[in-house]
Amino acid sequence: APPRETAPQNVVAHGRTLYATYCGTCHGDAAVSAGLYPDLRYAAALGDAGVWRDTVIGGARAGNGMASFDEALSESDSEAIRAFLIWQANADRAAGADAPP
């Protein structure tokens, strides 16, 4: 199950805009991946703000092709994207969407 939603809707909306700009090309529209890159709705890092920050801002997964966005996104921007993904994961789960195989 995805983490519980806690962010205000204005933060989620900001995250949706940032996701479309910085993440959607690789990770898919509305966070639905086509399979080449991870489907972020099911990323373990969603439940851990530190791991998320280390990945998105710190470049912890650069060796796996996930570039650091430290020059494009602030930590609060990164958290807004995480909030959007948590919201999207919960919305999709409520609608009956299954986790990827």
C-alpha atoms as a PDB file:
ATOM      1  CA  ALA A   1       0.000   0.000   0.000  1.00  0.00           C
ATOM      2  CA  PRO A   2       1.225   3.525  -0.688  1.00  0.00           C
ATOM      3  CA  PRO A   3       2.073   5.858   2.189  1.00  0.00           C
ATOM      4  CA  ARG A   4      -0.787   7.797   3.738  1.00  0.00           C
ATOM      5  CA  GLU A   5      -1.539  11.187   2.171  1.00  0.00           C
ATOM      6  CA  THR A   6      -0.634  14.089   4.442  1.00  0.00           C
ATOM      7  CA  ALA A   7       0.268  16.987   2.135  1.00  0.00           C
ATOM      8  CA  PRO A   8      -2.139  19.865   1.483  1.00  0.00           C
ATOM      9  CA  GLN A   9      -3.711  19.965  -1.985  1.00  0.00           C
ATOM     10  CA  ASN A  10      -1.739  23.068  -3.012  1.00  0.00           C
ATOM     11  CA  VAL A  11       1.507  21.140  -2.412  1.00  0.00           C
ATOM     12  CA  VAL A  12       0.177  18.147  -4.373  1.00  0.00           C
ATOM     13  CA  ALA A  13      -0.822  20.469  -7.247  1.00  0.00           C
ATOM     14  CA  HIS A  14       2.641  22.068  -7.261  1.00  0.00           C
ATOM     15  CA  GLY A  15       4.175  18.591  -7.284  1.00  0.00           C
ATOM     16  CA  ARG A  16       1.994  17.568 -10.227  1.00  0.00           C
ATOM     17  CA  THR A  17       3.286  20.537 -12.245  1.00  0.00           C
ATOM     18  CA  LEU A  18       6.898  19.800 -11.336  1.00  0.00           C
ATOM     19  CA  TYR A  19       6.451  16.096 -12.096  1.00  0.00           C
ATOM     20  CA  ALA A  20       5.130  16.922 -15.573  1.00  0.00           C
ATOM     21  CA  THR A  21       8.146  19.166 -16.187  1.00  0.00           C
ATOM     22  CA  TYR A  22      10.968  17.076 -14.741  1.00  0.00           C
ATOM     23  CA  CYS A  23       9.828  13.470 -14.337  1.00  0.00           C
ATOM     24  CA  GLY A  24       7.058  12.581 -16.771  1.00  0.00           C
ATOM     25  CA  THR A  25       9.289  12.136 -19.810  1.00  0.00           C
ATOM     26  CA  CYS A  26      10.969   9.101 -18.249  1.00  0.00           C
ATOM     27  CA  HIS A  27       8.489   7.951 -15.616  1.00  0.00           C
ATOM     28  CA  GLY A  28       5.247   8.447 -17.578  1.00  0.00           C
ATOM     29  CA  ASP A  29       2.218  10.720 -17.617  1.00  0.00           C
ATOM     30  CA  ALA A  30       0.280  10.755 -14.329  1.00  0.00           C
ATOM     31  CA  ALA A  31       3.140   8.673 -12.903  1.00  0.00           C
ATOM     32  CA  VAL A  32       2.153   5.605 -14.944  1.00  0.00           C
ATOM     33  CA  SER A  33       5.395   4.218 -16.325  1.00  0.00           C
ATOM     34  CA  ALA A  34       5.524   2.430 -19.658  1.00  0.00           C
ATOM     35  CA  GLY A  35       7.960  -0.070 -18.170  1.00  0.00           C
ATOM     36  CA  LEU A  36      11.382   1.206 -19.219  1.00  0.00           C
ATOM     37  CA  TYR A  37      11.797   3.299 -16.066  1.00  0.00           C
ATOM     38  CA  PRO A  38      10.382   2.610 -12.594  1.00  0.00           C
ATOM     39  CA  ASP A  39       6.718   3.357 -11.929  1.00  0.00           C
ATOM     40  CA  LEU A  40       7.150   5.859  -9.120  1.00  0.00           C
ATOM     41  CA  ARG A  41       3.693   5.214  -7.661  1.00  0.00           C
ATOM     42  CA  TYR A  42       5.176   2.000  -6.276  1.00  0.00           C
ATOM     43  CA  ALA A  43       8.656   3.247  -5.359  1.00  0.00           C
ATOM     44  CA  ALA A  44       9.771   2.258  -1.866  1.00  0.00           C
ATOM     45  CA  ALA A  45      11.334   5.723  -1.524  1.00  0.00           C
ATOM     46  CA  LEU A  46       7.864   7.297  -1.365  1.00  0.00           C
ATOM     47  CA  GLY A  47       7.643   6.176   2.243  1.00  0.00           C
ATOM     48  CA  ASP A  48      11.025   7.588   3.239  1.00  0.00           C
ATOM     49  CA  ALA A  49      11.671  11.300   2.739  1.00  0.00           C
ATOM     50  CA  GLY A  50      15.416  10.856   3.296  1.00  0.00           C
ATOM     51  CA  VAL A  51      15.795   8.151   0.662  1.00  0.00           C
ATOM     52  CA  TRP A  52      13.648  10.204  -1.724  1.00  0.00           C
ATOM     53  CA  ARG A  53      15.819  13.309  -1.177  1.00  0.00           C
ATOM     54  CA  ASP A  54      19.031  11.296  -1.557  1.00  0.00           C
ATOM     55  CA  THR A  55      17.742   9.918  -4.863  1.00  0.00           C
ATOM     56  CA  VAL A  56      16.233  13.041  -6.434  1.00  0.00           C
ATOM     57  CA  ILE A  57      18.536  15.726  -5.046  1.00  0.00           C
ATOM     58  CA  GLY A  58      21.596  13.780  -3.921  1.00  0.00           C
ATOM     59  CA  GLY A  59      22.049  11.583  -6.981  1.00  0.00           C
ATOM     60  CA  ALA A  60      22.155   8.317  -5.002  1.00  0.00           C
ATOM     61  CA  ARG A  61      20.948   6.343  -8.041  1.00  0.00           C
ATOM     62  CA  ALA A  62      23.053   8.133 -10.660  1.00  0.00           C
ATOM     63  CA  GLY A  63      24.840   4.863 -11.397  1.00  0.00           C
ATOM     64  CA  ASN A  64      21.478   3.399 -12.417  1.00  0.00           C
ATOM     65  CA  GLY A  65      20.606   6.270 -14.746  1.00  0.00           C
ATOM     66  CA  MET A  66      18.677   8.497 -12.317  1.00  0.00           C
ATOM     67  CA  ALA A  67      20.370  11.872 -12.569  1.00  0.00           C
ATOM     68  CA  SER A  68      20.484  14.289  -9.651  1.00  0.00           C
ATOM     69  CA  PHE A  69      18.100  17.227  -9.971  1.00  0.00           C
ATOM     70  CA  ASP A  70      19.916  19.329  -7.369  1.00  0.00           C
ATOM     71  CA  GLU A  71      20.375  22.226  -9.789  1.00  0.00           C
ATOM     72  CA  ALA A  72      16.764  22.200 -11.013  1.00  0.00           C
ATOM     73  CA  LEU A  73      14.741  21.391  -7.887  1.00  0.00           C
ATOM     74  CA  SER A  74      14.813  22.600  -4.314  1.00  0.00           C
ATOM     75  CA  GLU A  75      14.253  20.141  -1.478  1.00  0.00           C
ATOM     76  CA  SER A  76      10.719  21.511  -1.068  1.00  0.00           C
ATOM     77  CA  ASP A  77      10.105  20.991  -4.806  1.00  0.00           C
ATOM     78  CA  SER A  78      11.330  17.412  -4.453  1.00  0.00           C
ATOM     79  CA  GLU A  79       8.969  16.877  -1.502  1.00  0.00           C
ATOM     80  CA  ALA A  80       6.085  18.338  -3.523  1.00  0.00           C
ATOM     81  CA  ILE A  81       6.752  15.774  -6.260  1.00  0.00           C
ATOM     82  CA  ARG A  82       6.794  13.023  -3.631  1.00  0.00           C
ATOM     83  CA  ALA A  83       3.476  14.349  -2.256  1.00  0.00           C
ATOM     84  CA  PHE A  84       1.948  14.242  -5.747  1.00  0.00           C
ATOM     85  CA  LEU A  85       3.150  10.671  -6.282  1.00  0.00           C
ATOM     86  CA  ILE A  86       1.728   9.575  -2.923  1.00  0.00           C
ATOM     87  CA  TRP A  87      -1.572  11.233  -3.838  1.00  0.00           C
ATOM     88  CA  GLN A  88      -1.565   9.591  -7.292  1.00  0.00           C
ATOM     89  CA  ALA A  89      -0.717   6.167  -5.856  1.00  0.00           C
ATOM     90  CA  ASN A  90      -3.571   6.423  -3.355  1.00  0.00           C
ATOM     91  CA  ALA A  91      -6.021   7.668  -5.998  1.00  0.00           C
ATOM     92  CA  ASP A  92      -5.100   4.843  -8.363  1.00  0.00           C
ATOM     93  CA  ARG A  93      -5.354   2.269  -5.580  1.00  0.00           C
ATOM     94  CA  ALA A  94      -8.807   3.574  -4.619  1.00  0.00           C
ATOM     95  CA  ALA A  95      -9.833   3.275  -8.284  1.00  0.00           C
ATOM     96  CA  GLY A  96      -8.720  -0.360  -8.347  1.00  0.00           C
ATOM     97  CA  ALA A  97      -5.466   0.017 -10.278  1.00  0.00           C
ATOM     98  CA  ASP A  98      -3.128  -2.902  -9.667  1.00  0.00           C
ATOM     99  CA  ALA A  99       0.549  -2.693  -8.860  1.00  0.00           C
ATOM    100  CA  PRO A 100       2.811  -3.471 -11.796  1.00  0.00           C
ATOM    101  CA  PRO A 101       3.973  -7.094 -12.139  1.00  0.00           C
END
